[in-house]
C-alpha atoms as a PDB file:
ATOM      1  CA  MET A   1     -23.803  26.589  -6.231  1.00  0.00           C
ATOM      2  CA  LEU A   2     -21.438  29.382  -5.334  1.00  0.00           C
ATOM      3  CA  GLN A   3     -21.791  30.174  -1.668  1.00  0.00           C
ATOM      4  CA  LYS A   4     -20.463  32.827   0.628  1.00  0.00           C
ATOM      5  CA  PHE A   5     -17.553  31.680   2.757  1.00  0.00           C
ATOM      6  CA  PHE A   6     -15.600  34.745   3.670  1.00  0.00           C
ATOM      7  CA  GLY A   7     -15.066  38.239   2.364  1.00  0.00           C
ATOM      8  CA  PRO A   8     -17.368  38.827  -0.647  1.00  0.00           C
ATOM      9  CA  LEU A   9     -21.151  38.950  -0.550  1.00  0.00           C
ATOM     10  CA  THR A  10     -23.811  36.673  -1.969  1.00  0.00           C
ATOM     11  CA  LEU A  11     -27.588  36.816  -1.767  1.00  0.00           C
ATOM     12  CA  ALA A  12     -29.676  34.433   0.285  1.00  0.00           C
ATOM     13  CA  VAL A  13     -32.928  33.370  -1.406  1.00  0.00           C
ATOM     14  CA  VAL A  14     -36.215  32.838   0.428  1.00  0.00           C
ATOM     15  CA  ALA A  15     -39.042  30.596  -0.714  1.00  0.00           C
ATOM     16  CA  THR A  16     -40.621  33.341  -2.802  1.00  0.00           C
ATOM     17  CA  SER A  17     -37.317  33.801  -4.710  1.00  0.00           C
ATOM     18  CA  ILE A  18     -37.151  37.423  -3.556  1.00  0.00           C
ATOM     19  CA  PRO A  19     -33.547  38.315  -2.610  1.00  0.00           C
ATOM     20  CA  ALA A  20     -33.103  38.649   1.142  1.00  0.00           C
ATOM     21  CA  LEU A  21     -30.414  40.698   2.861  1.00  0.00           C
ATOM     22  CA  ALA A  22     -26.884  40.220   1.550  1.00  0.00           C
ATOM     23  CA  GLU A  23     -24.807  37.978   3.786  1.00  0.00           C
ATOM     24  CA  HIS A  24     -21.733  39.330   5.515  1.00  0.00           C
ATOM     25  CA  GLN A  25     -19.109  37.429   7.401  1.00  0.00           C
ATOM     26  CA  THR A  26     -20.607  36.673  10.786  1.00  0.00           C
ATOM     27  CA  PRO A  27     -19.012  36.504  14.259  1.00  0.00           C
ATOM     28  CA  GLY A  28     -17.719  33.062  15.140  1.00  0.00           C
ATOM     29  CA  SER A  29     -16.162  30.889  17.831  1.00  0.00           C
ATOM     30  CA  LEU A  30     -12.958  30.300  15.848  1.00  0.00           C
ATOM     31  CA  LEU A  31     -11.033  32.878  13.803  1.00  0.00           C
ATOM     32  CA  VAL A  32      -8.218  31.953  11.405  1.00  0.00           C
ATOM     33  CA  PHE A  33      -5.811  34.766  10.508  1.00  0.00           C
ATOM     34  CA  PRO A  34      -4.029  33.606   7.321  1.00  0.00           C
ATOM     35  CA  CYS A  35      -0.663  35.220   7.991  1.00  0.00           C
ATOM     36  CA  PHE A  36       1.627  37.126  10.294  1.00  0.00           C
ATOM     37  CA  ASP A  37       4.960  38.658   9.321  1.00  0.00           C
ATOM     38  CA  ASN A  38       7.763  39.260  11.819  1.00  0.00           C
ATOM     39  CA  THR A  39      10.482  39.669   9.201  1.00  0.00           C
ATOM     40  CA  ARG A  40      12.800  42.658   9.281  1.00  0.00           C
ATOM     41  CA  SER A  41      10.908  45.970   8.903  1.00  0.00           C
ATOM     42  CA  ALA A  42       7.539  44.171   8.948  1.00  0.00           C
ATOM     43  CA  SER A  43       4.970  44.047  11.737  1.00  0.00           C
ATOM     44  CA  THR A  44       1.518  42.494  12.077  1.00  0.00           C
ATOM     45  CA  LEU A  45      -1.261  43.599  14.424  1.00  0.00           C
ATOM     46  CA  PHE A  46      -4.072  41.209  15.379  1.00  0.00           C
ATOM     47  CA  THR A  47      -7.359  42.385  16.864  1.00  0.00           C
ATOM     48  CA  VAL A  48      -9.994  40.153  18.459  1.00  0.00           C
ATOM     49  CA  THR A  49     -13.263  41.696  19.653  1.00  0.00           C
ATOM     50  CA  ASN A  50     -15.965  40.194  21.855  1.00  0.00           C
ATOM     51  CA  THR A  51     -19.330  41.469  20.574  1.00  0.00           C
ATOM     52  CA  ASN A  52     -21.315  39.835  23.386  1.00  0.00           C
ATOM     53  CA  ASP A  53     -22.768  42.608  25.596  1.00  0.00           C
ATOM     54  CA  ASP A  54     -24.278  40.493  28.392  1.00  0.00           C
ATOM     55  CA  ALA A  55     -22.940  42.126  31.579  1.00  0.00           C
ATOM     56  CA  THR A  56     -25.224  40.118  33.903  1.00  0.00           C
ATOM     57  CA  LEU A  57     -23.169  38.463  36.627  1.00  0.00           C
ATOM     58  CA  GLY A  58     -23.161  34.681  36.652  1.00  0.00           C
ATOM     59  CA  SER A  59     -22.696  32.304  39.566  1.00  0.00           C
ATOM     60  CA  ASN A  60     -18.924  32.433  39.065  1.00  0.00           C
ATOM     61  CA  GLY A  61     -18.896  36.194  39.648  1.00  0.00           C
ATOM     62  CA  LEU A  62     -18.062  36.949  36.012  1.00  0.00           C
ATOM     63  CA  ALA A  63     -20.310  38.665  33.489  1.00  0.00           C
ATOM     64  CA  ASN A  64     -22.120  36.104  31.341  1.00  0.00           C
ATOM     65  CA  GLY A  65     -20.624  37.688  28.229  1.00  0.00           C
ATOM     66  CA  THR A  66     -17.056  37.064  29.399  1.00  0.00           C
ATOM     67  CA  ILE A  67     -14.949  34.611  27.385  1.00  0.00           C
ATOM     68  CA  ASP A  68     -11.369  33.359  27.303  1.00  0.00           C
ATOM     69  CA  VAL A  69      -9.677  33.246  23.890  1.00  0.00           C
ATOM     70  CA  GLU A  70      -6.595  31.224  22.993  1.00  0.00           C
ATOM     71  CA  PHE A  71      -4.197  32.572  20.360  1.00  0.00           C
ATOM     72  CA  VAL A  72      -2.417  29.693  18.610  1.00  0.00           C
ATOM     73  CA  TYR A  73       0.530  30.900  16.527  1.00  0.00           C
ATOM     74  CA  ILE A  74       1.661  28.373  13.922  1.00  0.00           C
ATOM     75  CA  ASN A  75       5.234  28.678  12.671  1.00  0.00           C
ATOM     76  CA  GLY A  76       4.984  28.464   8.885  1.00  0.00           C
ATOM     77  CA  ASP A  77       8.378  26.740   8.612  1.00  0.00           C
ATOM     78  CA  ASN A  78       7.711  23.729  10.836  1.00  0.00           C
ATOM     79  CA  CYS A  79       4.137  23.941  12.178  1.00  0.00           C
ATOM     80  CA  LEU A  80       5.327  24.333  15.782  1.00  0.00           C
ATOM     81  CA  GLU A  81       2.924  26.374  17.878  1.00  0.00           C
ATOM     82  CA  THR A  82       3.012  29.066  20.539  1.00  0.00           C
ATOM     83  CA  ASN A  83      -0.079  29.635  22.700  1.00  0.00           C
ATOM     84  CA  ARG A  84      -1.419  32.653  24.554  1.00  0.00           C
ATOM     85  CA  THR A  85      -4.723  32.855  26.457  1.00  0.00           C
ATOM     86  CA  ARG A  86      -6.557  36.101  27.274  1.00  0.00           C
ATOM     87  CA  ARG A  87      -9.861  37.007  28.883  1.00  0.00           C
ATOM     88  CA  LEU A  88     -12.320  39.286  27.086  1.00  0.00           C
ATOM     89  CA  THR A  89     -15.142  40.881  29.055  1.00  0.00           C
ATOM     90  CA  PRO A  90     -18.408  41.944  27.337  1.00  0.00           C
ATOM     91  CA  ASN A  91     -17.754  44.385  24.447  1.00  0.00           C
ATOM     92  CA  ASP A  92     -14.026  44.017  25.057  1.00  0.00           C
ATOM     93  CA  THR A  93     -11.405  44.266  22.310  1.00  0.00           C
ATOM     94  CA  LEU A  94      -7.739  43.289  22.309  1.00  0.00           C
ATOM     95  CA  THR A  95      -4.983  44.171  19.826  1.00  0.00           C
ATOM     96  CA  VAL A  96      -1.570  42.488  19.972  1.00  0.00           C
ATOM     97  CA  VAL A  97       1.658  42.887  18.007  1.00  0.00           C
ATOM     98  CA  ALA A  98       2.630  39.488  16.646  1.00  0.00           C
ATOM     99  CA  SER A  99       6.387  39.961  17.052  1.00  0.00           C
ATOM    100  CA  VAL A 100       5.941  40.835  20.742  1.00  0.00           C
ATOM    101  CA  ASP A 101       3.215  38.307  21.444  1.00  0.00           C
ATOM    102  CA  ASN A 102       5.136  35.541  19.691  1.00  0.00           C
ATOM    103  CA  PRO A 103       8.849  36.185  19.075  1.00  0.00           C
ATOM    104  CA  ASN A 104       9.393  32.465  18.371  1.00  0.00           C
ATOM    105  CA  ALA A 105       8.431  32.500  14.673  1.00  0.00           C
ATOM    106  CA  VAL A 106       9.125  34.721  11.685  1.00  0.00           C
ATOM    107  CA  ARG A 107       6.080  33.991   9.531  1.00  0.00           C
ATOM    108  CA  GLY A 108       3.036  31.762   9.629  1.00  0.00           C
ATOM    109  CA  TYR A 109      -0.630  31.929  10.617  1.00  0.00           C
ATOM    110  CA  VAL A 110      -2.738  32.274  13.767  1.00  0.00           C
ATOM    111  CA  TYR A 111      -6.026  30.824  14.897  1.00  0.00           C
ATOM    112  CA  VAL A 112      -8.002  32.073  17.886  1.00  0.00           C
ATOM    113  CA  PHE A 113     -10.785  30.101  19.580  1.00  0.00           C
ATOM    114  CA  ALA A 114     -13.189  30.645  22.446  1.00  0.00           C
ATOM    115  CA  LYS A 115     -12.831  28.547  25.576  1.00  0.00           C
ATOM    116  CA  ARG A 116     -14.054  28.288  29.151  1.00  0.00           C
ATOM    117  CA  ASN A 117     -12.374  26.410  31.981  1.00  0.00           C
ATOM    118  CA  GLY A 118      -9.670  25.395  29.518  1.00  0.00           C
ATOM    119  CA  ALA A 119     -12.041  23.719  27.046  1.00  0.00           C
ATOM    120  CA  ALA A 120     -13.034  24.935  23.569  1.00  0.00           C
ATOM    121  CA  VAL A 121     -16.657  26.131  23.563  1.00  0.00           C
ATOM    122  CA  SER A 122     -19.283  27.687  21.357  1.00  0.00           C
ATOM    123  CA  PHE A 123     -19.236  31.469  21.543  1.00  0.00           C
ATOM    124  CA  ASN A 124     -20.365  32.889  18.216  1.00  0.00           C
ATOM    125  CA  HIS A 125     -19.508  36.458  19.170  1.00  0.00           C
ATOM    126  CA  LEU A 126     -15.860  36.821  18.111  1.00  0.00           C
ATOM    127  CA  THR A 127     -14.799  39.205  15.350  1.00  0.00           C
ATOM    128  CA  GLY A 128     -11.349  40.393  14.355  1.00  0.00           C
ATOM    129  CA  ALA A 129      -8.977  42.128  11.950  1.00  0.00           C
ATOM    130  CA  SER A 130      -5.306  42.112  11.037  1.00  0.00           C
ATOM    131  CA  LEU A 131      -2.977  44.803   9.704  1.00  0.00           C
ATOM    132  CA  THR A 132       0.503  44.107   8.350  1.00  0.00           C
ATOM    133  CA  PHE A 133       2.943  46.965   7.882  1.00  0.00           C
ATOM    134  CA  SER A 134       5.379  46.962   4.988  1.00  0.00           C
ATOM    135  CA  GLY A 135       8.321  44.589   4.897  1.00  0.00           C
ATOM    136  CA  GLN A 136      10.804  43.906   2.141  1.00  0.00           C
ATOM    137  CA  ASP A 137       8.459  41.960  -0.113  1.00  0.00           C
ATOM    138  CA  ASN A 138       5.024  43.484   0.451  1.00  0.00           C
ATOM    139  CA  ARG A 139       3.166  46.726   1.081  1.00  0.00           C
ATOM    140  CA  ASP A 140       0.858  47.502   3.993  1.00  0.00           C
ATOM    141  CA  PHE A 141      -2.343  45.490   3.865  1.00  0.00           C
ATOM    142  CA  GLU A 142      -5.376  44.673   5.966  1.00  0.00           C
ATOM    143  CA  LEU A 143      -6.875  41.195   5.979  1.00  0.00           C
ATOM    144  CA  ALA A 144      -9.909  39.926   7.838  1.00  0.00           C
ATOM    145  CA  PRO A 145      -9.748  36.571   9.612  1.00  0.00           C
ATOM    146  CA  ILE A 146     -11.765  33.617   8.346  1.00  0.00           C
ATOM    147  CA  SER A 147     -14.637  33.156  10.791  1.00  0.00           C
ATOM    148  CA  PHE A 148     -15.905  29.696  11.739  1.00  0.00           C
ATOM    149  CA  GLN A 149     -19.065  29.478  13.781  1.00  0.00           C
ATOM    150  CA  ALA A 150     -19.567  26.670  16.267  1.00  0.00           C
ATOM    151  CA  VAL A 151     -22.360  24.386  15.082  1.00  0.00           C
ATOM    152  CA  SER A 152     -24.046  24.662  18.469  1.00  0.00           C
ATOM    153  CA  ASN A 153     -25.189  28.239  18.922  1.00  0.00           C
ATOM    154  CA  VAL A 154     -25.606  27.835  22.689  1.00  0.00           C
ATOM    155  CA  ALA A 155     -22.786  29.826  24.267  1.00  0.00           C
ATOM    156  CA  GLY A 156     -20.580  27.716  26.512  1.00  0.00           C
ATOM    157  CA  THR A 157     -21.414  24.383  24.858  1.00  0.00           C
ATOM    158  CA  PRO A 158     -18.192  22.329  24.469  1.00  0.00           C
ATOM    159  CA  THR A 159     -17.174  22.037  20.815  1.00  0.00           C
ATOM    160  CA  ASP A 160     -14.635  19.220  21.075  1.00  0.00           C
ATOM    161  CA  VAL A 161     -17.292  16.588  20.459  1.00  0.00           C
ATOM    162  CA  ASP A 162     -14.861  13.716  19.839  1.00  0.00           C
ATOM    163  CA  ALA A 163     -12.457  14.818  22.609  1.00  0.00           C
ATOM    164  CA  ASP A 164      -9.420  14.708  20.318  1.00  0.00           C
ATOM    165  CA  GLY A 165      -8.143  18.178  21.222  1.00  0.00           C
ATOM    166  CA  LEU A 166      -8.496  19.415  17.631  1.00  0.00           C
ATOM    167  CA  ARG A 167     -10.706  22.119  16.186  1.00  0.00           C
ATOM    168  CA  ASP A 168     -12.641  20.005  13.659  1.00  0.00           C
ATOM    169  CA  LEU A 169     -14.094  21.961  10.714  1.00  0.00           C
ATOM    170  CA  ASN A 170     -16.490  19.128   9.978  1.00  0.00           C
ATOM    171  CA  GLY A 171     -20.030  20.458  10.401  1.00  0.00           C
ATOM    172  CA  THR A 172     -20.291  18.883  13.863  1.00  0.00           C
ATOM    173  CA  GLU A 173     -17.910  21.021  15.919  1.00  0.00           C
ATOM    174  CA  TYR A 174     -17.449  24.040  13.614  1.00  0.00           C
ATOM    175  CA  VAL A 175     -18.862  24.790  10.186  1.00  0.00           C
ATOM    176  CA  LYS A 176     -17.217  23.112   7.181  1.00  0.00           C
ATOM    177  CA  VAL A 177     -14.694  24.649   4.800  1.00  0.00           C
ATOM    178  CA  PRO A 178     -15.327  25.166   1.063  1.00  0.00           C
ATOM    179  CA  ASP A 179     -14.504  22.389  -1.372  1.00  0.00           C
ATOM    180  CA  LYS A 180     -12.905  24.809  -3.859  1.00  0.00           C
ATOM    181  CA  LEU A 181     -11.534  28.342  -3.497  1.00  0.00           C
ATOM    182  CA  ILE A 182     -11.834  31.080  -6.104  1.00  0.00           C
ATOM    183  CA  ILE A 183      -9.766  34.247  -6.518  1.00  0.00           C
ATOM    184  CA  PRO A 184     -11.844  36.485  -8.829  1.00  0.00           C
ATOM    185  CA  ARG A 185      -8.953  38.626 -10.095  1.00  0.00           C
ATOM    186  CA  PHE A 186      -5.189  38.682 -10.355  1.00  0.00           C
ATOM    187  CA  LEU A 187      -3.002  41.072 -12.343  1.00  0.00           C
ATOM    188  CA  GLY A 188      -0.291  39.858 -14.707  1.00  0.00           C
ATOM    189  CA  GLN A 189       2.977  39.373 -12.816  1.00  0.00           C
ATOM    190  CA  PRO A 190       6.598  40.177 -13.738  1.00  0.00           C
ATOM    191  CA  GLU A 191       8.782  37.163 -14.470  1.00  0.00           C
ATOM    192  CA  PRO A 192      10.398  35.672 -11.311  1.00  0.00           C
ATOM    193  CA  ASN A 193      13.875  37.087 -12.021  1.00  0.00           C
ATOM    194  CA  ALA A 194      12.333  40.545 -12.387  1.00  0.00           C
ATOM    195  CA  PHE A 195      11.917  40.639  -8.609  1.00  0.00           C
ATOM    196  CA  LEU A 196      15.671  41.222  -8.334  1.00  0.00           C
ATOM    197  CA  GLY A 197      15.034  44.791  -9.412  1.00  0.00           C
ATOM    198  CA  LEU A 198      11.721  45.478  -7.732  1.00  0.00           C
ATOM    199  CA  ASN A 199       9.674  47.914  -9.773  1.00  0.00           C
ATOM    200  CA  LEU A 200       6.840  49.381  -7.756  1.00  0.00           C
ATOM    201  CA  ASP A 201       4.838  49.876 -10.969  1.00  0.00           C
ATOM    202  CA  GLU A 202       4.644  46.118 -11.432  1.00  0.00           C
ATOM    203  CA  ALA A 203       1.905  44.004  -9.905  1.00  0.00           C
ATOM    204  CA  ARG A 204       3.460  41.702  -7.334  1.00  0.00           C
ATOM    205  CA  SER A 205       1.159  39.160  -5.723  1.00  0.00           C
ATOM    206  CA  GLN A 206       1.696  36.431  -3.168  1.00  0.00           C
ATOM    207  CA  LEU A 207      -0.636  33.564  -2.379  1.00  0.00           C
ATOM    208  CA  VAL A 208      -0.981  32.320   1.191  1.00  0.00           C
ATOM    209  CA  LEU A 209      -1.900  28.628   1.505  1.00  0.00           C
ATOM    210  CA  ILE A 210      -2.774  26.746   4.715  1.00  0.00           C
ATOM    211  CA  ASN A 211      -2.747  22.953   4.916  1.00  0.00           C
ATOM    212  CA  LEU A 212      -5.739  21.702   6.965  1.00  0.00           C
ATOM    213  CA  THR A 213      -4.926  17.969   6.809  1.00  0.00           C
ATOM    214  CA  GLY A 214      -2.086  17.908   9.304  1.00  0.00           C
ATOM    215  CA  ALA A 215       1.341  19.172  10.295  1.00  0.00           C
ATOM    216  CA  ARG A 216       2.990  15.986   8.994  1.00  0.00           C
ATOM    217  CA  PHE A 217       1.228  15.947   5.629  1.00  0.00           C
ATOM    218  CA  THR A 218       2.195  17.543   2.331  1.00  0.00           C
ATOM    219  CA  THR A 219      -0.691  18.693   0.145  1.00  0.00           C
ATOM    220  CA  VAL A 220      -0.813  19.030  -3.637  1.00  0.00           C
ATOM    221  CA  VAL A 221      -3.063  21.915  -4.742  1.00  0.00           C
ATOM    222  CA  ASP A 222      -4.600  21.975  -8.225  1.00  0.00           C
ATOM    223  CA  PHE A 223      -5.018  25.314 -10.025  1.00  0.00           C
ATOM    224  CA  LEU A 224      -7.186  26.278 -12.981  1.00  0.00           C
ATOM    225  CA  VAL A 225      -6.026  29.687 -14.200  1.00  0.00           C
ATOM    226  CA  TYR A 226      -8.191  31.698 -16.625  1.00  0.00           C
ATOM    227  CA  ASN A 227      -7.133  34.654 -18.736  1.00  0.00           C
ATOM    228  CA  ASP A 228      -9.512  37.490 -19.696  1.00  0.00           C
ATOM    229  CA  ASN A 229     -10.754  35.550 -22.737  1.00  0.00           C
ATOM    230  CA  GLU A 230     -11.968  32.402 -20.945  1.00  0.00           C
ATOM    231  CA  GLU A 231      -8.861  30.396 -21.854  1.00  0.00           C
ATOM    232  CA  VAL A 232      -7.867  28.028 -19.075  1.00  0.00           C
ATOM    233  CA  PHE A 233      -4.483  26.639 -17.998  1.00  0.00           C
ATOM    234  CA  SER A 234      -3.660  24.125 -15.271  1.00  0.00           C
ATOM    235  CA  ALA A 235      -0.950  24.171 -12.606  1.00  0.00           C
ATOM    236  CA  GLN A 236      -0.038  22.442  -9.346  1.00  0.00           C
ATOM    237  CA  TYR A 237       1.783  23.490  -6.208  1.00  0.00           C
ATOM    238  CA  THR A 238       2.791  21.494  -3.112  1.00  0.00           C
ATOM    239  CA  ILE A 239       2.669  22.838   0.450  1.00  0.00           C
ATOM    240  CA  ASP A 240       3.497  21.330   3.803  1.00  0.00           C
ATOM    241  CA  CYS A 241       2.331  23.406   6.787  1.00  0.00           C
ATOM    242  CA  TRP A 242       1.880  26.913   5.361  1.00  0.00           C
ATOM    243  CA  ASP A 243       3.305  28.890   2.508  1.00  0.00           C
ATOM    244  CA  ARG A 244       3.370  32.437   1.167  1.00  0.00           C
ATOM    245  CA  VAL A 245       4.517  32.195  -2.431  1.00  0.00           C
ATOM    246  CA  TRP A 246       4.859  34.514  -5.440  1.00  0.00           C
ATOM    247  CA  LEU A 247       2.266  33.634  -8.075  1.00  0.00           C
ATOM    248  CA  THR A 248       4.950  33.142 -10.729  1.00  0.00           C
ATOM    249  CA  ASP A 249       6.722  30.648  -8.439  1.00  0.00           C
ATOM    250  CA  ILE A 250       3.585  28.544  -8.722  1.00  0.00           C
ATOM    251  CA  ASN A 251       3.534  28.723 -12.525  1.00  0.00           C
ATOM    252  CA  ALA A 252       4.556  31.100 -15.323  1.00  0.00           C
ATOM    253  CA  VAL A 253       0.940  31.215 -16.489  1.00  0.00           C
ATOM    254  CA  PHE A 254       0.470  34.026 -13.948  1.00  0.00           C
ATOM    255  CA  SER A 255       3.089  36.197 -15.673  1.00  0.00           C
ATOM    256  CA  ASP A 256       2.108  39.237 -17.689  1.00  0.00           C
ATOM    257  CA  ASP A 257       4.435  38.221 -20.533  1.00  0.00           C
ATOM    258  CA  PHE A 258       2.829  34.791 -20.889  1.00  0.00           C
ATOM    259  CA  LEU A 259      -0.709  36.151 -20.806  1.00  0.00           C
ATOM    260  CA  GLU A 260       0.102  38.910 -23.273  1.00  0.00           C
ATOM    261  CA  ASP A 261       2.256  36.960 -25.743  1.00  0.00           C
ATOM    262  CA  PHE A 262       0.856  33.419 -25.694  1.00  0.00           C
ATOM    263  CA  THR A 263      -2.902  33.751 -25.086  1.00  0.00           C
ATOM    264  CA  ASN A 264      -5.765  35.299 -27.006  1.00  0.00           C
ATOM    265  CA  HIS A 265      -7.434  38.471 -25.799  1.00  0.00           C
ATOM    266  CA  ASN A 266     -10.905  39.898 -25.577  1.00  0.00           C
ATOM    267  CA  PRO A 267     -10.712  43.414 -27.058  1.00  0.00           C
ATOM    268  CA  ASN A 268     -13.657  44.467 -24.908  1.00  0.00           C
ATOM    269  CA  GLU A 269     -11.794  43.719 -21.664  1.00  0.00           C
ATOM    270  CA  ILE A 270     -10.135  46.575 -19.814  1.00  0.00           C
ATOM    271  CA  ASP A 271      -6.402  46.955 -20.410  1.00  0.00           C
ATOM    272  CA  ALA A 272      -4.683  46.874 -17.043  1.00  0.00           C
ATOM    273  CA  GLY A 273      -2.176  49.285 -18.546  1.00  0.00           C
ATOM    274  CA  SER A 274      -4.659  51.972 -17.553  1.00  0.00           C
ATOM    275  CA  ILE A 275      -3.593  51.171 -13.984  1.00  0.00           C
ATOM    276  CA  SER A 276       0.111  50.752 -14.613  1.00  0.00           C
ATOM    277  CA  SER A 277       2.231  50.898 -17.752  1.00  0.00           C
ATOM    278  CA  ASP A 278       3.974  47.696 -16.647  1.00  0.00           C
ATOM    279  CA  VAL A 279       0.775  45.639 -16.387  1.00  0.00           C
ATOM    280  CA  ALA A 280      -1.337  44.662 -19.379  1.00  0.00           C
ATOM    281  CA  GLU A 281      -3.182  41.469 -18.448  1.00  0.00           C
ATOM    282  CA  GLN A 282      -5.425  40.030 -15.763  1.00  0.00           C
ATOM    283  CA  GLY A 283      -7.281  36.819 -15.004  1.00  0.00           C
ATOM    284  CA  TRP A 284      -8.760  34.685 -12.234  1.00  0.00           C
ATOM    285  CA  PHE A 285      -8.190  31.212 -10.799  1.00  0.00           C
ATOM    286  CA  ARG A 286      -9.649  28.263  -8.895  1.00  0.00           C
ATOM    287  CA  MET A 287      -7.865  26.173  -6.246  1.00  0.00           C
ATOM    288  CA  ASP A 288      -8.682  22.678  -5.033  1.00  0.00           C
ATOM    289  CA  GLY A 289      -6.735  20.266  -2.849  1.00  0.00           C
ATOM    290  CA  LEU A 290      -5.849  17.164  -4.892  1.00  0.00           C
ATOM    291  CA  VAL A 291      -4.175  14.850  -2.391  1.00  0.00           C
ATOM    292  CA  ALA A 292      -2.371  15.052   0.969  1.00  0.00           C
ATOM    293  CA  ASN A 293       0.267  12.499   1.923  1.00  0.00           C
ATOM    294  CA  SER A 294       2.174  11.572   5.068  1.00  0.00           C
ATOM    295  CA  THR A 295       4.520   8.643   5.643  1.00  0.00           C
ATOM    296  CA  ALA A 296       1.521   6.550   6.682  1.00  0.00           C
ATOM    297  CA  ALA A 297      -1.636   7.905   5.031  1.00  0.00           C
ATOM    298  CA  SER A 298      -3.113   9.565   1.969  1.00  0.00           C
ATOM    299  CA  VAL A 299      -6.158  11.855   1.862  1.00  0.00           C
ATOM    300  CA  GLU A 300      -8.053  12.627  -1.330  1.00  0.00           C
ATOM    301  CA  ASN A 301      -9.516  16.118  -1.802  1.00  0.00           C
ATOM    302  CA  PRO A 302      -7.800  17.643   1.265  1.00  0.00           C
ATOM    303  CA  ALA A 303      -9.055  20.909   2.753  1.00  0.00           C
ATOM    304  CA  ILE A 304      -7.075  24.148   2.372  1.00  0.00           C
ATOM    305  CA  LEU A 305      -7.441  27.833   3.192  1.00  0.00           C
ATOM    306  CA  ALA A 306      -5.935  30.730   1.240  1.00  0.00           C
ATOM    307  CA  ALA A 307      -5.530  34.491   0.834  1.00  0.00           C
ATOM    308  CA  LEU A 308      -4.031  36.738  -1.860  1.00  0.00           C
ATOM    309  CA  ILE A 309      -1.680  39.633  -0.986  1.00  0.00           C
ATOM    310  CA  GLU A 310      -1.141  42.237  -3.702  1.00  0.00           C
ATOM    311  CA  SER A 311       0.820  45.425  -4.356  1.00  0.00           C
ATOM    312  CA  ILE A 312       1.050  47.819  -7.296  1.00  0.00           C
ATOM    313  CA  GLU A 313       2.258  51.392  -7.701  1.00  0.00           C
ATOM    314  CA  GLY A 314       3.568  51.208  -4.125  1.00  0.00           C
ATOM    315  CA  ASP A 315       0.125  50.404  -2.656  1.00  0.00           C
ATOM    316  CA  GLY A 316      -0.879  47.146  -1.025  1.00  0.00           C
ATOM    317  CA  GLY A 317      -4.039  45.154  -0.473  1.00  0.00           C
ATOM    318  CA  ALA A 318      -5.287  41.656   0.255  1.00  0.00           C
ATOM    319  CA  GLN A 319      -8.336  39.524  -0.413  1.00  0.00           C
ATOM    320  CA  LEU A 320      -9.887  36.321   0.852  1.00  0.00           C
ATOM    321  CA  PRO A 321     -11.259  33.902  -1.749  1.00  0.00           C
ATOM    322  CA  TRP A 322     -14.812  32.911  -2.516  1.00  0.00           C
ATOM    323  CA  GLY A 323     -15.885  29.367  -1.633  1.00  0.00           C
ATOM    324  CA  LEU A 324     -17.588  26.738  -3.789  1.00  0.00           C
ATOM    325  CA  GLY A 325     -19.282  23.727  -2.185  1.00  0.00           C
ATOM    326  CA  GLU A 326     -18.170  22.351   1.182  1.00  0.00           C
ATOM    327  CA  GLN A 327     -16.136  19.571   2.739  1.00  0.00           C
ATOM    328  CA  GLY A 328     -15.710  18.353   6.302  1.00  0.00           C
ATOM    329  CA  ASN A 329     -12.124  17.065   6.494  1.00  0.00           C
ATOM    330  CA  GLY A 330     -10.331  20.186   7.740  1.00  0.00           C
ATOM    331  CA  ASP A 331      -8.670  20.315  11.171  1.00  0.00           C
ATOM    332  CA  LEU A 332      -6.649  22.684  13.370  1.00  0.00           C
ATOM    333  CA  LEU A 333      -4.180  21.182  13.982  1.00  0.00           C
ATOM    334  CA  ASN A 334      -3.648  17.451  13.434  1.00  0.00           C
ATOM    335  CA  ARG A 335      -0.080  16.386  14.345  1.00  0.00           C
ATOM    336  CA  SER A 336      -0.408  12.672  13.663  1.00  0.00           C
ATOM    337  CA  ILE A 337       0.937  10.845  10.594  1.00  0.00           C
ATOM    338  CA  LEU A 338      -2.620   9.487  10.304  1.00  0.00           C
ATOM    339  CA  ALA A 339      -5.512  11.610   9.062  1.00  0.00           C
ATOM    340  CA  ASP A 340      -8.157  12.678  11.551  1.00  0.00           C
ATOM    341  CA  GLY A 341     -11.286  10.747  10.652  1.00  0.00           C
ATOM    342  CA  ASN A 342     -13.714  12.848  12.735  1.00  0.00           C
END
């Protein structure tokens, strides 16, 4: 069954089979921002907002709705981290510039979690947003964080159930991650060497991938790529910590030339040339972790997170995938050569 994970909407069904309210992403205790970009001429803003409005003073002299949040910046090149902790009062919001907040890394991802007295806790009131301004290889885009609720909905309840210092996305500490990820649309891409003469009319898309098995694991991701006529092609790509990769560097099946010249077409499908004269084809794809390996362990069906960053005609955008099924073996951030079994 296709279920909401982040971004798009699905319908919840009650016992009478009458559609209930559409589900939106809900505030959580842990937010994962898929990417930041501190490269030359690029800049990323992160916002975290505390939606708890309880201003009643507690025994510690602080409003009950006050929470500390830890920003954990993960360097995409080597998985090293930089940490910052802030305090958010009720209805408080904080926006930081990634390059100022963390000048130690050029690109990577960030996760933010609620804590009290130094320990990770349940506080399902955090929301957020990110905005990246144009760099050399992308256009401006906004991207929501992926929100993970703590399983315990009692604010202040410790979430590190197994006391391993990790944020376990296992259905015991925080909600699970999807088993498979689905991007419902991509536009045909120029061939890789075409990027040497960047044409703003061309669709240029990058996929962000996050490895949730561990900093010392490499993960093989399986792809099933569909054209607009239900033809399917397979591909694989290997990541270590984090990657932001052009679609055609994953496989040429994403290229406009391949889709146009070597696949069949549904004449009733819209021609993307109505958007841009340099784009004719489109499709969609599934992603699933196949295996993750370290020097000491192997994990079948490893957990991953992803996002798609797009630009065409000089405009940019981004989308989070849909989720299918669930699995409980994701962690932030395991640094052992052994898999976390909790």
